[in-house]
Amino acid sequence: MVVVGYTGFEDAKRLRRRLQIIPSAYRPNAALVVGPGLFEGFGMSARGPVALYAFCIAINRLVHRLRAQQPNLVTYVRGGDPVS
């Protein structure tokens, strides 16, 4: 899950702290605050115009991972362990 807001935290340190105190079961994977230009998540942190670029990189990586996933339909046909 990624949260995006136009306004919100103005300081990267406060945004990072806020994300850390959210219980892991409810914590978003990343946050983008467009107004001040803050991005935090997926192992990246960026400020200013680069924040939107970091957000785009993160989304691109997620989409690429989804496209690369392929179900092993042999498992369903055979009803057992997948064939290597």
PDB file of N, CA and C in Angstrom:
ATOM      1  N   MET A   1       0.835  -1.162   0.000  1.00  0.00           N
ATOM      2  CA  MET A   1       0.000   0.000   0.000  1.00  0.00           C
ATOM      3  C   MET A   1       0.893   1.241   0.000  1.00  0.00           C
ATOM      4  N   VAL A   2       0.506   2.213  -0.786  1.00  0.00           N
ATOM      5  CA  VAL A   2       1.216   3.479  -0.864  1.00  0.00           C
ATOM      6  C   VAL A   2       0.207   4.587  -0.571  1.00  0.00           C
ATOM      7  N   VAL A   3       0.562   5.504   0.308  1.00  0.00           N
ATOM      8  CA  VAL A   3      -0.315   6.636   0.590  1.00  0.00           C
ATOM      9  C   VAL A   3       0.253   7.884  -0.086  1.00  0.00           C
ATOM     10  N   VAL A   4      -0.646   8.683  -0.633  1.00  0.00           N
ATOM     11  CA  VAL A   4      -0.248   9.908  -1.319  1.00  0.00           C
ATOM     12  C   VAL A   4      -1.124  11.034  -0.811  1.00  0.00           C
ATOM     13  N   GLY A   5      -0.498  12.142  -0.451  1.00  0.00           N
ATOM     14  CA  GLY A   5      -1.235  13.329  -0.037  1.00  0.00           C
ATOM     15  C   GLY A   5      -0.594  14.558  -0.639  1.00  0.00           C
ATOM     16  N   TYR A   6      -1.400  15.570  -0.896  1.00  0.00           N
ATOM     17  CA  TYR A   6      -0.833  16.789  -1.445  1.00  0.00           C
ATOM     18  C   TYR A   6      -0.174  17.606  -0.343  1.00  0.00           C
ATOM     19  N   THR A   7      -0.847  17.678   0.798  1.00  0.00           N
ATOM     20  CA  THR A   7      -0.274  18.387   1.943  1.00  0.00           C
ATOM     21  C   THR A   7      -0.101  17.399   3.086  1.00  0.00           C
ATOM     22  N   GLY A   8       0.660  17.788   4.052  1.00  0.00           N
ATOM     23  CA  GLY A   8       0.893  16.904   5.196  1.00  0.00           C
ATOM     24  C   GLY A   8       2.212  17.254   5.844  1.00  0.00           C
ATOM     25  N   PHE A   9       2.994  16.258   6.111  1.00  0.00           N
ATOM     26  CA  PHE A   9       4.283  16.468   6.756  1.00  0.00           C
ATOM     27  C   PHE A   9       5.186  17.335   5.878  1.00  0.00           C
ATOM     28  N   GLU A  10       5.876  18.261   6.515  1.00  0.00           N
ATOM     29  CA  GLU A  10       6.800  19.146   5.805  1.00  0.00           C
ATOM     30  C   GLU A  10       8.254  18.724   6.010  1.00  0.00           C
ATOM     31  N   ASP A  11       8.467  17.780   6.921  1.00  0.00           N
ATOM     32  CA  ASP A  11       9.818  17.380   7.306  1.00  0.00           C
ATOM     33  C   ASP A  11       9.962  15.874   7.131  1.00  0.00           C
ATOM     34  N   ALA A  12      11.031  15.448   6.455  1.00  0.00           N
ATOM     35  CA  ALA A  12      11.259  14.024   6.177  1.00  0.00           C
ATOM     36  C   ALA A  12      11.422  13.219   7.457  1.00  0.00           C
ATOM     37  N   LYS A  13      12.085  13.783   8.444  1.00  0.00           N
ATOM     38  CA  LYS A  13      12.309  13.070   9.697  1.00  0.00           C
ATOM     39  C   LYS A  13      10.987  12.791  10.417  1.00  0.00           C
ATOM     40  N   ARG A  14      10.082  13.766  10.418  1.00  0.00           N
ATOM     41  CA  ARG A  14       8.773  13.568  11.051  1.00  0.00           C
ATOM     42  C   ARG A  14       7.939  12.537  10.297  1.00  0.00           C
ATOM     43  N   LEU A  15       7.994  12.571   8.981  1.00  0.00           N
ATOM     44  CA  LEU A  15       7.266  11.589   8.171  1.00  0.00           C
ATOM     45  C   LEU A  15       7.784  10.191   8.462  1.00  0.00           C
ATOM     46  N   ARG A  16       9.090  10.027   8.497  1.00  0.00           N
ATOM     47  CA  ARG A  16       9.704   8.728   8.774  1.00  0.00           C
ATOM     48  C   ARG A  16       9.293   8.211  10.148  1.00  0.00           C
ATOM     49  N   ARG A  17       9.337   9.104  11.152  1.00  0.00           N
ATOM     50  CA  ARG A  17       8.935   8.720  12.515  1.00  0.00           C
ATOM     51  C   ARG A  17       7.480   8.290  12.557  1.00  0.00           C
ATOM     52  N   ARG A  18       6.622   9.049  11.856  1.00  0.00           N
ATOM     53  CA  ARG A  18       5.190   8.724  11.841  1.00  0.00           C
ATOM     54  C   ARG A  18       4.955   7.351  11.229  1.00  0.00           C
ATOM     55  N   LEU A  19       5.649   7.052  10.150  1.00  0.00           N
ATOM     56  CA  LEU A  19       5.494   5.738   9.521  1.00  0.00           C
ATOM     57  C   LEU A  19       5.978   4.626  10.449  1.00  0.00           C
ATOM     58  N   GLN A  20       7.044   4.871  11.186  1.00  0.00           N
ATOM     59  CA  GLN A  20       7.607   3.846  12.068  1.00  0.00           C
ATOM     60  C   GLN A  20       6.705   3.516  13.244  1.00  0.00           C
ATOM     61  N   ILE A  21       5.903   4.478  13.721  1.00  0.00           N
ATOM     62  CA  ILE A  21       5.061   4.197  14.893  1.00  0.00           C
ATOM     63  C   ILE A  21       3.755   3.502  14.526  1.00  0.00           C
ATOM     64  N   ILE A  22       3.432   3.438  13.249  1.00  0.00           N
ATOM     65  CA  ILE A  22       2.228   2.711  12.820  1.00  0.00           C
ATOM     66  C   ILE A  22       2.521   1.220  12.927  1.00  0.00           C
ATOM     67  N   PRO A  23       1.625   0.441  13.563  1.00  0.00           N
ATOM     68  CA  PRO A  23       1.851  -1.009  13.652  1.00  0.00           C
ATOM     69  C   PRO A  23       2.078  -1.609  12.257  1.00  0.00           C
ATOM     70  N   SER A  24       3.011  -2.540  12.172  1.00  0.00           N
ATOM     71  CA  SER A  24       3.415  -3.077  10.867  1.00  0.00           C
ATOM     72  C   SER A  24       2.253  -3.647  10.054  1.00  0.00           C
ATOM     73  N   ALA A  25       1.236  -4.170  10.704  1.00  0.00           N
ATOM     74  CA  ALA A  25       0.090  -4.719   9.979  1.00  0.00           C
ATOM     75  C   ALA A  25      -0.706  -3.633   9.252  1.00  0.00           C
ATOM     76  N   TYR A  26      -0.583  -2.388   9.692  1.00  0.00           N
ATOM     77  CA  TYR A  26      -1.346  -1.283   9.114  1.00  0.00           C
ATOM     78  C   TYR A  26      -0.467  -0.260   8.408  1.00  0.00           C
ATOM     79  N   ARG A  27       0.820  -0.426   8.493  1.00  0.00           N
ATOM     80  CA  ARG A  27       1.763   0.553   7.945  1.00  0.00           C
ATOM     81  C   ARG A  27       1.800   0.472   6.419  1.00  0.00           C
ATOM     82  N   PRO A  28       1.693   1.623   5.749  1.00  0.00           N
ATOM     83  CA  PRO A  28       1.855   1.599   4.288  1.00  0.00           C
ATOM     84  C   PRO A  28       3.306   1.310   3.924  1.00  0.00           C
ATOM     85  N   ASN A  29       3.513   0.783   2.738  1.00  0.00           N
ATOM     86  CA  ASN A  29       4.870   0.495   2.276  1.00  0.00           C
ATOM     87  C   ASN A  29       5.630   1.765   1.919  1.00  0.00           C
ATOM     88  N   ALA A  30       4.894   2.801   1.565  1.00  0.00           N
ATOM     89  CA  ALA A  30       5.533   4.055   1.184  1.00  0.00           C
ATOM     90  C   ALA A  30       4.558   5.206   1.351  1.00  0.00           C
ATOM     91  N   ALA A  31       5.114   6.417   1.425  1.00  0.00           N
ATOM     92  CA  ALA A  31       4.303   7.626   1.523  1.00  0.00           C
ATOM     93  C   ALA A  31       4.911   8.713   0.651  1.00  0.00           C
ATOM     94  N   LEU A  32       4.049   9.429  -0.059  1.00  0.00           N
ATOM     95  CA  LEU A  32       4.456  10.567  -0.871  1.00  0.00           C
ATOM     96  C   LEU A  32       3.645  11.767  -0.432  1.00  0.00           C
ATOM     97  N   VAL A  33       4.321  12.856  -0.105  1.00  0.00           N
ATOM     98  CA  VAL A  33       3.656  14.122   0.191  1.00  0.00           C
ATOM     99  C   VAL A  33       4.073  15.069  -0.934  1.00  0.00           C
ATOM    100  N   VAL A  34       3.131  15.368  -1.832  1.00  0.00           N
ATOM    101  CA  VAL A  34       3.437  16.084  -3.063  1.00  0.00           C
ATOM    102  C   VAL A  34       3.866  17.528  -2.807  1.00  0.00           C
ATOM    103  N   GLY A  35       3.107  18.261  -1.962  1.00  0.00           N
ATOM    104  CA  GLY A  35       3.364  19.687  -1.737  1.00  0.00           C
ATOM    105  C   GLY A  35       4.817  20.000  -1.409  1.00  0.00           C
ATOM    106  N   PRO A  36       5.320  19.491  -0.285  1.00  0.00           N
ATOM    107  CA  PRO A  36       6.721  19.775   0.048  1.00  0.00           C
ATOM    108  C   PRO A  36       7.713  18.880  -0.695  1.00  0.00           C
ATOM    109  N   GLY A  37       7.214  17.831  -1.348  1.00  0.00           N
ATOM    110  CA  GLY A  37       8.108  16.917  -2.058  1.00  0.00           C
ATOM    111  C   GLY A  37       8.851  15.991  -1.126  1.00  0.00           C
ATOM    112  N   LEU A  38       8.115  15.059  -0.520  1.00  0.00           N
ATOM    113  CA  LEU A  38       8.721  14.064   0.373  1.00  0.00           C
ATOM    114  C   LEU A  38       8.293  12.674  -0.060  1.00  0.00           C
ATOM    115  N   PHE A  39       9.236  11.758  -0.134  1.00  0.00           N
ATOM    116  CA  PHE A  39       8.924  10.356  -0.408  1.00  0.00           C
ATOM    117  C   PHE A  39       9.723   9.503   0.546  1.00  0.00           C
ATOM    118  N   GLU A  40       9.044   8.513   1.095  1.00  0.00           N
ATOM    119  CA  GLU A  40       9.691   7.586   2.030  1.00  0.00           C
ATOM    120  C   GLU A  40       9.097   6.206   1.800  1.00  0.00           C
ATOM    121  N   GLY A  41       9.947   5.229   1.512  1.00  0.00           N
ATOM    122  CA  GLY A  41       9.461   3.863   1.373  1.00  0.00           C
ATOM    123  C   GLY A  41      10.259   3.054   0.380  1.00  0.00           C
ATOM    124  N   PHE A  42      10.077   1.737   0.441  1.00  0.00           N
ATOM    125  CA  PHE A  42      10.751   0.795  -0.444  1.00  0.00           C
ATOM    126  C   PHE A  42      12.263   0.989  -0.432  1.00  0.00           C
ATOM    127  N   GLY A  43      12.799   1.331   0.733  1.00  0.00           N
ATOM    128  CA  GLY A  43      14.237   1.513   0.859  1.00  0.00           C
ATOM    129  C   GLY A  43      14.755   2.805   0.261  1.00  0.00           C
ATOM    130  N   MET A  44      13.849   3.715  -0.097  1.00  0.00           N
ATOM    131  CA  MET A  44      14.251   4.990  -0.682  1.00  0.00           C
ATOM    132  C   MET A  44      13.707   6.140   0.151  1.00  0.00           C
ATOM    133  N   SER A  45      14.405   7.231   0.109  1.00  0.00           N
ATOM    134  CA  SER A  45      13.965   8.458   0.757  1.00  0.00           C
ATOM    135  C   SER A  45      14.392   9.604  -0.135  1.00  0.00           C
ATOM    136  N   ALA A  46      13.457  10.518  -0.438  1.00  0.00           N
ATOM    137  CA  ALA A  46      13.801  11.612  -1.343  1.00  0.00           C
ATOM    138  C   ALA A  46      13.041  12.877  -0.954  1.00  0.00           C
ATOM    139  N   ARG A  47      13.663  13.998  -1.285  1.00  0.00           N
ATOM    140  CA  ARG A  47      13.059  15.307  -1.024  1.00  0.00           C
ATOM    141  C   ARG A  47      13.075  16.151  -2.287  1.00  0.00           C
ATOM    142  N   GLY A  48      12.154  17.098  -2.341  1.00  0.00           N
ATOM    143  CA  GLY A  48      12.094  18.006  -3.482  1.00  0.00           C
ATOM    144  C   GLY A  48      11.542  17.322  -4.722  1.00  0.00           C
ATOM    145  N   PRO A  49      11.887  17.815  -5.915  1.00  0.00           N
ATOM    146  CA  PRO A  49      11.368  17.245  -7.161  1.00  0.00           C
ATOM    147  C   PRO A  49      11.732  15.766  -7.331  1.00  0.00           C
ATOM    148  N   VAL A  50      12.813  15.343  -6.717  1.00  0.00           N
ATOM    149  CA  VAL A  50      13.246  13.942  -6.825  1.00  0.00           C
ATOM    150  C   VAL A  50      12.267  13.008  -6.110  1.00  0.00           C
ATOM    151  N   ALA A  51      11.471  13.546  -5.185  1.00  0.00           N
ATOM    152  CA  ALA A  51      10.508  12.713  -4.453  1.00  0.00           C
ATOM    153  C   ALA A  51       9.492  12.081  -5.400  1.00  0.00           C
ATOM    154  N   LEU A  52       8.980  12.863  -6.330  1.00  0.00           N
ATOM    155  CA  LEU A  52       8.021  12.319  -7.298  1.00  0.00           C
ATOM    156  C   LEU A  52       8.701  11.293  -8.200  1.00  0.00           C
ATOM    157  N   TYR A  53       9.933  11.539  -8.552  1.00  0.00           N
ATOM    158  CA  TYR A  53      10.698  10.590  -9.363  1.00  0.00           C
ATOM    159  C   TYR A  53      10.902   9.273  -8.603  1.00  0.00           C
ATOM    160  N   ALA A  54      11.235   9.356  -7.311  1.00  0.00           N
ATOM    161  CA  ALA A  54      11.408   8.149  -6.487  1.00  0.00           C
ATOM    162  C   ALA A  54      10.098   7.379  -6.399  1.00  0.00           C
ATOM    163  N   PHE A  55       8.991   8.091  -6.270  1.00  0.00           N
ATOM    164  CA  PHE A  55       7.667   7.458  -6.242  1.00  0.00           C
ATOM    165  C   PHE A  55       7.426   6.697  -7.553  1.00  0.00           C
ATOM    166  N   CYS A  56       7.738   7.323  -8.686  1.00  0.00           N
ATOM    167  CA  CYS A  56       7.564   6.670  -9.993  1.00  0.00           C
ATOM    168  C   CYS A  56       8.449   5.429 -10.123  1.00  0.00           C
ATOM    169  N   ILE A  57       9.668   5.503  -9.622  1.00  0.00           N
ATOM    170  CA  ILE A  57      10.569   4.344  -9.646  1.00  0.00           C
ATOM    171  C   ILE A  57       9.967   3.208  -8.833  1.00  0.00           C
ATOM    172  N   ALA A  58       9.448   3.520  -7.652  1.00  0.00           N
ATOM    173  CA  ALA A  58       8.849   2.490  -6.788  1.00  0.00           C
ATOM    174  C   ALA A  58       7.651   1.837  -7.470  1.00  0.00           C
ATOM    175  N   ILE A  59       6.777   2.639  -8.057  1.00  0.00           N
ATOM    176  CA  ILE A  59       5.599   2.093  -8.745  1.00  0.00           C
ATOM    177  C   ILE A  59       6.032   1.247  -9.943  1.00  0.00           C
ATOM    178  N   ASN A  60       7.025   1.705 -10.682  1.00  0.00           N
ATOM    179  CA  ASN A  60       7.525   0.946 -11.824  1.00  0.00           C
ATOM    180  C   ASN A  60       8.060  -0.419 -11.385  1.00  0.00           C
ATOM    181  N   ARG A  61       8.798  -0.443 -10.279  1.00  0.00           N
ATOM    182  CA  ARG A  61       9.325  -1.720  -9.765  1.00  0.00           C
ATOM    183  C   ARG A  61       8.191  -2.660  -9.375  1.00  0.00           C
ATOM    184  N   LEU A  62       7.159  -2.114  -8.732  1.00  0.00           N
ATOM    185  CA  LEU A  62       6.022  -2.944  -8.320  1.00  0.00           C
ATOM    186  C   LEU A  62       5.298  -3.520  -9.533  1.00  0.00           C
ATOM    187  N   VAL A  63       5.060  -2.694 -10.532  1.00  0.00           N
ATOM    188  CA  VAL A  63       4.368  -3.149 -11.740  1.00  0.00           C
ATOM    189  C   VAL A  63       5.204  -4.208 -12.454  1.00  0.00           C
ATOM    190  N   HIS A  64       6.506  -3.998 -12.503  1.00  0.00           N
ATOM    191  CA  HIS A  64       7.382  -4.971 -13.157  1.00  0.00           C
ATOM    192  C   HIS A  64       7.319  -6.321 -12.435  1.00  0.00           C
ATOM    193  N   ARG A  65       7.338  -6.290 -11.102  1.00  0.00           N
ATOM    194  CA  ARG A  65       7.250  -7.545 -10.338  1.00  0.00           C
ATOM    195  C   ARG A  65       5.930  -8.262 -10.609  1.00  0.00           C
ATOM    196  N   LEU A  66       4.841  -7.504 -10.696  1.00  0.00           N
ATOM    197  CA  LEU A  66       3.537  -8.114 -10.957  1.00  0.00           C
ATOM    198  C   LEU A  66       3.494  -8.742 -12.341  1.00  0.00           C
ATOM    199  N   ARG A  67       4.058  -8.040 -13.323  1.00  0.00           N
ATOM    200  CA  ARG A  67       4.065  -8.572 -14.688  1.00  0.00           C
ATOM    201  C   ARG A  67       4.929  -9.813 -14.789  1.00  0.00           C
ATOM    202  N   ALA A  68       5.968  -9.898 -13.985  1.00  0.00           N
ATOM    203  CA  ALA A  68       6.904 -11.019 -14.063  1.00  0.00           C
ATOM    204  C   ALA A  68       6.349 -12.273 -13.390  1.00  0.00           C
ATOM    205  N   GLN A  69       5.330 -12.132 -12.568  1.00  0.00           N
ATOM    206  CA  GLN A  69       4.768 -13.284 -11.865  1.00  0.00           C
ATOM    207  C   GLN A  69       3.905 -14.114 -12.819  1.00  0.00           C
ATOM    208  N   GLN A  70       4.119 -15.403 -12.808  1.00  0.00           N
ATOM    209  CA  GLN A  70       3.328 -16.297 -13.640  1.00  0.00           C
ATOM    210  C   GLN A  70       2.881 -17.478 -12.792  1.00  0.00           C
ATOM    211  N   PRO A  71       1.592 -17.792 -12.843  1.00  0.00           N
ATOM    212  CA  PRO A  71       1.130 -18.942 -12.072  1.00  0.00           C
ATOM    213  C   PRO A  71       1.636 -20.240 -12.698  1.00  0.00           C
ATOM    214  N   ASN A  72       1.867 -21.234 -11.857  1.00  0.00           N
ATOM    215  CA  ASN A  72       2.252 -22.544 -12.344  1.00  0.00           C
ATOM    216  C   ASN A  72       0.973 -23.377 -12.452  1.00  0.00           C
ATOM    217  N   LEU A  73       0.365 -23.372 -13.622  1.00  0.00           N
ATOM    218  CA  LEU A  73      -0.916 -24.044 -13.823  1.00  0.00           C
ATOM    219  C   LEU A  73      -0.800 -25.564 -13.792  1.00  0.00           C
ATOM    220  N   VAL A  74       0.401 -26.091 -13.977  1.00  0.00           N
ATOM    221  CA  VAL A  74       0.596 -27.537 -13.921  1.00  0.00           C
ATOM    222  C   VAL A  74       0.198 -28.064 -12.544  1.00  0.00           C
ATOM    223  N   THR A  75       0.426 -27.293 -11.499  1.00  0.00           N
ATOM    224  CA  THR A  75       0.068 -27.691 -10.153  1.00  0.00           C
ATOM    225  C   THR A  75      -1.428 -27.988 -10.057  1.00  0.00           C
ATOM    226  N   TYR A  76      -2.229 -27.155 -10.689  1.00  0.00           N
ATOM    227  CA  TYR A  76      -3.678 -27.335 -10.624  1.00  0.00           C
ATOM    228  C   TYR A  76      -4.136 -28.520 -11.466  1.00  0.00           C
ATOM    229  N   VAL A  77      -3.463 -28.746 -12.583  1.00  0.00           N
ATOM    230  CA  VAL A  77      -3.832 -29.859 -13.460  1.00  0.00           C
ATOM    231  C   VAL A  77      -3.470 -31.190 -12.834  1.00  0.00           C
ATOM    232  N   ARG A  78      -2.268 -31.278 -12.260  1.00  0.00           N
ATOM    233  CA  ARG A  78      -1.795 -32.518 -11.672  1.00  0.00           C
ATOM    234  C   ARG A  78      -2.312 -32.725 -10.267  1.00  0.00           C
ATOM    235  N   GLY A  79      -2.645 -31.625  -9.596  1.00  0.00           N
ATOM    236  CA  GLY A  79      -3.161 -31.740  -8.225  1.00  0.00           C
ATOM    237  C   GLY A  79      -2.076 -32.056  -7.216  1.00  0.00           C
ATOM    238  N   GLY A  80      -0.849 -31.731  -7.499  1.00  0.00           N
ATOM    239  CA  GLY A  80       0.241 -32.030  -6.574  1.00  0.00           C
ATOM    240  C   GLY A  80       1.329 -30.992  -6.634  1.00  0.00           C
ATOM    241  N   ASP A  81       2.553 -31.445  -6.426  1.00  0.00           N
ATOM    242  CA  ASP A  81       3.690 -30.546  -6.440  1.00  0.00           C
ATOM    243  C   ASP A  81       3.951 -30.035  -7.856  1.00  0.00           C
ATOM    244  N   PRO A  82       4.416 -28.772  -7.962  1.00  0.00           N
ATOM    245  CA  PRO A  82       4.721 -28.242  -9.290  1.00  0.00           C
ATOM    246  C   PRO A  82       5.883 -28.997  -9.938  1.00  0.00           C
ATOM    247  N   VAL A  83       5.817 -29.063 -11.248  1.00  0.00           N
ATOM    248  CA  VAL A  83       6.878 -29.696 -12.030  1.00  0.00           C
ATOM    249  C   VAL A  83       7.989 -28.684 -12.218  1.00  0.00           C
ATOM    250  N   SER A  84       9.243 -29.086 -11.998  1.00  0.00           N
ATOM    251  CA  SER A  84      10.360 -28.143 -12.143  1.00  0.00           C
ATOM    252  C   SER A  84      10.615 -27.841 -13.589  1.00  0.00           C
TER     253      SER A  84
END
